[in-house]
Amino acid sequence: MTDEQTTIAQLRERLRAFNQARDWGQYHCPRNLAMALSAEAGELLALYLWCEDQGPQPRVASRDEKVPQELADVAICLLNLAEAAGVDLAAAVEAKLAANEAKYPVEKVKGRMEKYDEY
């Protein structure tokens, strides 16, 4: 499976079957999954801990192989949360992109880092 070959719906179905086989749905309330998502994002962030304030991120080669695993954990938690909360993730992303396009028009923000209320 690759990004080009797989839909969000296919991933959600795969996770649904995985969770059902283990009877884990009983633990998958939105609150627990939001906390798990935060914890997994923290584990991903820890791989990039102690970078220099100025200059490029120092590479820690031994951490490179852990990045895909932690990204997968974040994605799994996110998809499980979307499932538990009844959110169509693709529709939510499309709606948010449309809102961001209105909030951050290219002609005002291109190449700038400020938030919409700072420019």
N, C-alpha and C. Protein backbone atom coordinates (compact mmCIF):
# COMPACT_ATOMS: atom_id res chain seq x y z
N MET A 1 0.84 -1.19 0.00
CA MET A 1 0.00 0.00 0.00
C MET A 1 0.88 1.25 0.00
N THR A 2 0.52 2.21 -0.81
CA THR A 2 1.20 3.50 -0.84
C THR A 2 0.15 4.60 -0.79
N ASP A 3 0.60 5.83 -0.59
CA ASP A 3 -0.33 6.97 -0.58
C ASP A 3 -1.10 7.05 -1.90
N GLU A 4 -0.42 6.77 -2.99
CA GLU A 4 -1.06 6.88 -4.30
C GLU A 4 -2.10 5.78 -4.54
N GLN A 5 -1.96 4.66 -3.86
CA GLN A 5 -2.83 3.51 -4.09
C GLN A 5 -3.95 3.37 -3.06
N THR A 6 -3.91 4.14 -1.98
CA THR A 6 -4.77 3.90 -0.84
C THR A 6 -5.63 5.11 -0.52
N THR A 7 -6.90 4.87 -0.25
CA THR A 7 -7.79 5.97 0.14
C THR A 7 -7.90 6.02 1.67
N ILE A 8 -8.36 7.15 2.15
CA ILE A 8 -8.62 7.27 3.59
C ILE A 8 -9.67 6.25 4.01
N ALA A 9 -10.67 6.05 3.18
CA ALA A 9 -11.71 5.08 3.50
C ALA A 9 -11.14 3.67 3.66
N GLN A 10 -10.19 3.31 2.81
CA GLN A 10 -9.56 1.99 2.93
C GLN A 10 -8.78 1.86 4.23
N LEU A 11 -8.05 2.91 4.59
CA LEU A 11 -7.31 2.88 5.86
C LEU A 11 -8.27 2.78 7.04
N ARG A 12 -9.36 3.53 7.00
CA ARG A 12 -10.33 3.49 8.09
C ARG A 12 -10.95 2.10 8.21
N GLU A 13 -11.25 1.48 7.09
CA GLU A 13 -11.82 0.13 7.13
C GLU A 13 -10.81 -0.86 7.69
N ARG A 14 -9.58 -0.75 7.30
CA ARG A 14 -8.52 -1.63 7.83
C ARG A 14 -8.38 -1.46 9.34
N LEU A 15 -8.39 -0.21 9.81
CA LEU A 15 -8.32 0.05 11.26
C LEU A 15 -9.55 -0.45 11.99
N ARG A 16 -10.71 -0.26 11.37
CA ARG A 16 -11.97 -0.74 11.98
C ARG A 16 -11.90 -2.25 12.20
N ALA A 17 -11.45 -2.99 11.20
CA ALA A 17 -11.33 -4.45 11.33
C ALA A 17 -10.28 -4.83 12.37
N PHE A 18 -9.16 -4.14 12.36
CA PHE A 18 -8.09 -4.39 13.34
C PHE A 18 -8.61 -4.19 14.76
N ASN A 19 -9.30 -3.09 14.98
CA ASN A 19 -9.82 -2.78 16.32
C ASN A 19 -10.93 -3.73 16.74
N GLN A 20 -11.81 -4.08 15.81
CA GLN A 20 -12.90 -5.00 16.13
C GLN A 20 -12.36 -6.37 16.51
N ALA A 21 -11.35 -6.85 15.82
CA ALA A 21 -10.78 -8.16 16.12
C ALA A 21 -10.21 -8.21 17.54
N ARG A 22 -9.81 -7.07 18.07
CA ARG A 22 -9.19 -7.01 19.40
C ARG A 22 -10.14 -6.46 20.46
N ASP A 23 -11.36 -6.11 20.06
CA ASP A 23 -12.36 -5.53 20.95
C ASP A 23 -11.84 -4.25 21.63
N TRP A 24 -11.14 -3.44 20.85
CA TRP A 24 -10.59 -2.21 21.39
C TRP A 24 -11.53 -1.02 21.29
N GLY A 25 -12.63 -1.19 20.57
CA GLY A 25 -13.58 -0.09 20.43
C GLY A 25 -14.10 0.41 21.76
N GLN A 26 -14.14 -0.47 22.74
CA GLN A 26 -14.62 -0.06 24.07
C GLN A 26 -13.74 1.02 24.70
N TYR A 27 -12.53 1.15 24.23
CA TYR A 27 -11.60 2.16 24.77
C TYR A 27 -11.52 3.40 23.87
N HIS A 28 -12.17 3.36 22.73
CA HIS A 28 -11.99 4.39 21.72
C HIS A 28 -13.05 5.48 21.78
N CYS A 29 -13.16 6.13 22.92
CA CYS A 29 -14.01 7.31 22.98
C CYS A 29 -13.18 8.50 22.50
N PRO A 30 -13.82 9.55 22.01
CA PRO A 30 -13.06 10.69 21.50
C PRO A 30 -12.05 11.26 22.50
N ARG A 31 -12.41 11.33 23.76
CA ARG A 31 -11.48 11.88 24.76
C ARG A 31 -10.21 11.05 24.84
N ASN A 32 -10.34 9.73 24.95
CA ASN A 32 -9.16 8.87 25.04
C ASN A 32 -8.32 8.95 23.77
N LEU A 33 -8.97 8.98 22.63
CA LEU A 33 -8.24 9.03 21.37
C LEU A 33 -7.55 10.37 21.16
N ALA A 34 -8.18 11.46 21.61
CA ALA A 34 -7.52 12.77 21.53
C ALA A 34 -6.27 12.79 22.41
N MET A 35 -6.36 12.19 23.58
CA MET A 35 -5.17 12.11 24.45
C MET A 35 -4.10 11.23 23.82
N ALA A 36 -4.50 10.11 23.24
CA ALA A 36 -3.54 9.22 22.58
C ALA A 36 -2.87 9.92 21.41
N LEU A 37 -3.64 10.70 20.65
CA LEU A 37 -3.10 11.45 19.52
C LEU A 37 -2.04 12.44 20.01
N SER A 38 -2.34 13.13 21.09
CA SER A 38 -1.38 14.07 21.66
C SER A 38 -0.11 13.36 22.13
N ALA A 39 -0.27 12.22 22.77
CA ALA A 39 0.88 11.45 23.25
C ALA A 39 1.74 10.97 22.09
N GLU A 40 1.11 10.48 21.03
CA GLU A 40 1.87 10.00 19.87
C GLU A 40 2.56 11.16 19.16
N ALA A 41 1.89 12.30 19.07
CA ALA A 41 2.52 13.48 18.47
C ALA A 41 3.73 13.90 19.31
N GLY A 42 3.63 13.77 20.62
CA GLY A 42 4.75 14.06 21.49
C GLY A 42 5.93 13.13 21.25
N GLU A 43 5.64 11.86 21.00
CA GLU A 43 6.71 10.90 20.70
C GLU A 43 7.39 11.25 19.39
N LEU A 44 6.62 11.70 18.42
CA LEU A 44 7.20 12.15 17.15
C LEU A 44 8.06 13.39 17.38
N LEU A 45 7.54 14.33 18.12
CA LEU A 45 8.27 15.56 18.41
C LEU A 45 9.58 15.28 19.13
N ALA A 46 9.58 14.31 20.01
CA ALA A 46 10.79 13.98 20.77
C ALA A 46 11.94 13.56 19.85
N LEU A 47 11.61 13.02 18.68
CA LEU A 47 12.67 12.64 17.74
C LEU A 47 13.42 13.86 17.21
N TYR A 48 12.81 15.03 17.31
CA TYR A 48 13.43 16.26 16.82
C TYR A 48 13.84 17.19 17.96
N LEU A 49 13.83 16.68 19.17
CA LEU A 49 14.19 17.46 20.35
C LEU A 49 15.65 17.85 20.33
N TRP A 50 15.94 19.00 20.86
CA TRP A 50 17.28 19.55 21.03
C TRP A 50 17.89 20.05 19.73
N CYS A 51 17.07 20.61 18.89
CA CYS A 51 17.62 21.25 17.70
C CYS A 51 18.19 22.61 18.09
N GLU A 52 19.03 23.13 17.23
CA GLU A 52 19.60 24.44 17.47
C GLU A 52 18.56 25.52 17.16
N ASP A 53 18.58 26.61 17.94
CA ASP A 53 17.65 27.70 17.67
C ASP A 53 17.95 28.38 16.34
N GLN A 54 19.21 28.50 16.00
CA GLN A 54 19.63 29.09 14.74
C GLN A 54 20.30 27.98 13.91
N GLY A 55 20.02 27.97 12.65
CA GLY A 55 20.68 27.00 11.80
C GLY A 55 19.84 25.76 11.57
N PRO A 56 20.38 24.83 10.82
CA PRO A 56 19.62 23.64 10.46
C PRO A 56 19.43 22.68 11.64
N GLN A 57 18.38 21.92 11.56
CA GLN A 57 18.12 20.87 12.55
C GLN A 57 19.25 19.86 12.50
N PRO A 58 19.91 19.64 13.63
CA PRO A 58 20.96 18.61 13.59
C PRO A 58 20.34 17.23 13.38
N ARG A 59 20.90 16.47 12.51
CA ARG A 59 20.38 15.15 12.20
C ARG A 59 20.93 14.14 13.19
N VAL A 60 20.02 13.35 13.74
CA VAL A 60 20.42 12.23 14.59
C VAL A 60 20.05 10.98 13.82
N ALA A 61 21.01 10.40 13.15
CA ALA A 61 20.76 9.30 12.22
C ALA A 61 20.02 8.13 12.86
N SER A 62 20.31 7.85 14.12
CA SER A 62 19.66 6.70 14.78
C SER A 62 18.16 6.91 14.95
N ARG A 63 17.70 8.15 14.83
CA ARG A 63 16.26 8.43 14.98
C ARG A 63 15.50 8.32 13.66
N ASP A 64 16.21 8.36 12.54
CA ASP A 64 15.56 8.38 11.24
C ASP A 64 14.58 7.23 11.04
N GLU A 65 14.96 6.03 11.44
CA GLU A 65 14.10 4.87 11.22
C GLU A 65 12.85 4.91 12.10
N LYS A 66 12.86 5.72 13.15
CA LYS A 66 11.70 5.81 14.05
C LYS A 66 10.64 6.78 13.54
N VAL A 67 11.02 7.70 12.67
CA VAL A 67 10.09 8.72 12.19
C VAL A 67 8.88 8.09 11.49
N PRO A 68 9.04 7.17 10.53
CA PRO A 68 7.85 6.58 9.90
C PRO A 68 6.94 5.87 10.90
N GLN A 69 7.53 5.19 11.89
CA GLN A 69 6.72 4.50 12.90
C GLN A 69 5.89 5.48 13.71
N GLU A 70 6.50 6.58 14.12
CA GLU A 70 5.77 7.57 14.93
C GLU A 70 4.74 8.30 14.09
N LEU A 71 5.07 8.60 12.84
CA LEU A 71 4.07 9.20 11.95
C LEU A 71 2.88 8.27 11.78
N ALA A 72 3.15 6.98 11.64
CA ALA A 72 2.06 6.00 11.51
C ALA A 72 1.20 5.97 12.77
N ASP A 73 1.83 6.03 13.94
CA ASP A 73 1.06 6.05 15.19
C ASP A 73 0.16 7.28 15.25
N VAL A 74 0.68 8.44 14.83
CA VAL A 74 -0.12 9.66 14.82
C VAL A 74 -1.30 9.50 13.86
N ALA A 75 -1.02 8.98 12.66
CA ALA A 75 -2.08 8.80 11.66
C ALA A 75 -3.14 7.82 12.15
N ILE A 76 -2.72 6.73 12.76
CA ILE A 76 -3.66 5.73 13.28
C ILE A 76 -4.56 6.35 14.34
N CYS A 77 -3.96 7.09 15.26
CA CYS A 77 -4.77 7.74 16.30
C CYS A 77 -5.73 8.75 15.69
N LEU A 78 -5.26 9.52 14.71
CA LEU A 78 -6.12 10.50 14.05
C LEU A 78 -7.29 9.83 13.35
N LEU A 79 -7.02 8.76 12.62
CA LEU A 79 -8.10 8.05 11.93
C LEU A 79 -9.06 7.40 12.91
N ASN A 80 -8.55 6.85 14.00
CA ASN A 80 -9.43 6.28 15.02
C ASN A 80 -10.29 7.36 15.67
N LEU A 81 -9.72 8.54 15.90
CA LEU A 81 -10.48 9.65 16.48
C LEU A 81 -11.56 10.11 15.52
N ALA A 82 -11.23 10.23 14.24
CA ALA A 82 -12.23 10.62 13.25
C ALA A 82 -13.38 9.61 13.23
N GLU A 83 -13.04 8.35 13.33
CA GLU A 83 -14.06 7.28 13.35
C GLU A 83 -14.96 7.43 14.57
N ALA A 84 -14.36 7.59 15.74
CA ALA A 84 -15.13 7.68 16.98
C ALA A 84 -15.98 8.94 17.05
N ALA A 85 -15.48 10.02 16.45
CA ALA A 85 -16.21 11.29 16.49
C ALA A 85 -17.18 11.44 15.32
N GLY A 86 -17.18 10.47 14.42
CA GLY A 86 -18.08 10.54 13.27
C GLY A 86 -17.72 11.64 12.28
N VAL A 87 -16.42 11.89 12.12
CA VAL A 87 -15.95 12.95 11.24
C VAL A 87 -15.45 12.35 9.93
N ASP A 88 -15.94 12.89 8.82
CA ASP A 88 -15.41 12.55 7.51
C ASP A 88 -14.15 13.37 7.35
N LEU A 89 -13.00 12.74 7.50
CA LEU A 89 -11.73 13.45 7.55
C LEU A 89 -11.42 14.18 6.25
N ALA A 90 -11.66 13.55 5.12
CA ALA A 90 -11.39 14.20 3.84
C ALA A 90 -12.26 15.44 3.68
N ALA A 91 -13.54 15.36 4.04
CA ALA A 91 -14.43 16.52 3.95
C ALA A 91 -13.99 17.62 4.91
N ALA A 92 -13.55 17.24 6.11
CA ALA A 92 -13.08 18.22 7.08
C ALA A 92 -11.83 18.93 6.58
N VAL A 93 -10.92 18.19 5.97
CA VAL A 93 -9.70 18.81 5.43
C VAL A 93 -10.05 19.76 4.29
N GLU A 94 -10.92 19.34 3.40
CA GLU A 94 -11.34 20.21 2.29
C GLU A 94 -11.99 21.49 2.81
N ALA A 95 -12.86 21.37 3.80
CA ALA A 95 -13.53 22.56 4.36
C ALA A 95 -12.51 23.48 5.04
N LYS A 96 -11.57 22.91 5.75
CA LYS A 96 -10.55 23.72 6.42
C LYS A 96 -9.64 24.40 5.41
N LEU A 97 -9.26 23.71 4.34
CA LEU A 97 -8.45 24.34 3.29
C LEU A 97 -9.19 25.51 2.66
N ALA A 98 -10.48 25.35 2.41
CA ALA A 98 -11.27 26.44 1.84
C ALA A 98 -11.31 27.63 2.79
N ALA A 99 -11.49 27.38 4.07
CA ALA A 99 -11.50 28.46 5.07
C ALA A 99 -10.14 29.13 5.13
N ASN A 100 -9.06 28.34 5.09
CA ASN A 100 -7.71 28.90 5.14
C ASN A 100 -7.39 29.72 3.89
N GLU A 101 -7.90 29.28 2.74
CA GLU A 101 -7.69 30.05 1.52
C GLU A 101 -8.32 31.43 1.64
N ALA A 102 -9.49 31.51 2.26
CA ALA A 102 -10.15 32.81 2.46
C ALA A 102 -9.42 33.64 3.52
N LYS A 103 -8.94 32.99 4.55
CA LYS A 103 -8.28 33.68 5.65
C LYS A 103 -6.88 34.14 5.28
N TYR A 104 -6.22 33.39 4.42
CA TYR A 104 -4.84 33.67 4.04
C TYR A 104 -4.71 33.83 2.52
N PRO A 105 -5.20 34.93 1.96
CA PRO A 105 -5.10 35.11 0.51
C PRO A 105 -3.64 35.23 0.06
N VAL A 106 -3.33 34.56 -1.02
CA VAL A 106 -1.96 34.50 -1.53
C VAL A 106 -1.35 35.89 -1.65
N GLU A 107 -2.11 36.82 -2.19
CA GLU A 107 -1.55 38.16 -2.44
C GLU A 107 -1.17 38.89 -1.15
N LYS A 108 -1.69 38.46 0.00
CA LYS A 108 -1.33 39.10 1.27
C LYS A 108 -0.28 38.33 2.06
N VAL A 109 -0.23 37.03 1.90
CA VAL A 109 0.59 36.23 2.81
C VAL A 109 1.76 35.50 2.18
N LYS A 110 1.88 35.52 0.87
CA LYS A 110 2.93 34.74 0.22
C LYS A 110 4.31 35.12 0.78
N GLY A 111 5.00 34.11 1.31
CA GLY A 111 6.33 34.31 1.86
C GLY A 111 6.35 34.94 3.24
N ARG A 112 5.19 35.11 3.87
CA ARG A 112 5.13 35.73 5.20
C ARG A 112 4.73 34.69 6.22
N MET A 113 5.15 34.87 7.47
CA MET A 113 4.88 33.91 8.53
C MET A 113 3.79 34.37 9.49
N GLU A 114 3.34 35.60 9.40
CA GLU A 114 2.37 36.11 10.36
C GLU A 114 1.02 35.43 10.23
N LYS A 115 0.30 35.40 11.35
CA LYS A 115 -1.08 34.91 11.34
C LYS A 115 -1.97 35.95 10.67
N TYR A 116 -3.19 35.54 10.35
CA TYR A 116 -4.12 36.39 9.64
C TYR A 116 -4.41 37.70 10.37
N ASP A 117 -4.31 37.73 11.69
CA ASP A 117 -4.61 38.95 12.44
C ASP A 117 -3.36 39.79 12.72
N GLU A 118 -2.24 39.44 12.09
CA GLU A 118 -0.99 40.16 12.32
C GLU A 118 -0.46 40.88 11.08
N TYR A 119 -1.15 40.76 9.96
CA TYR A 119 -0.64 41.43 8.76
C TYR A 119 -1.60 42.51 8.32
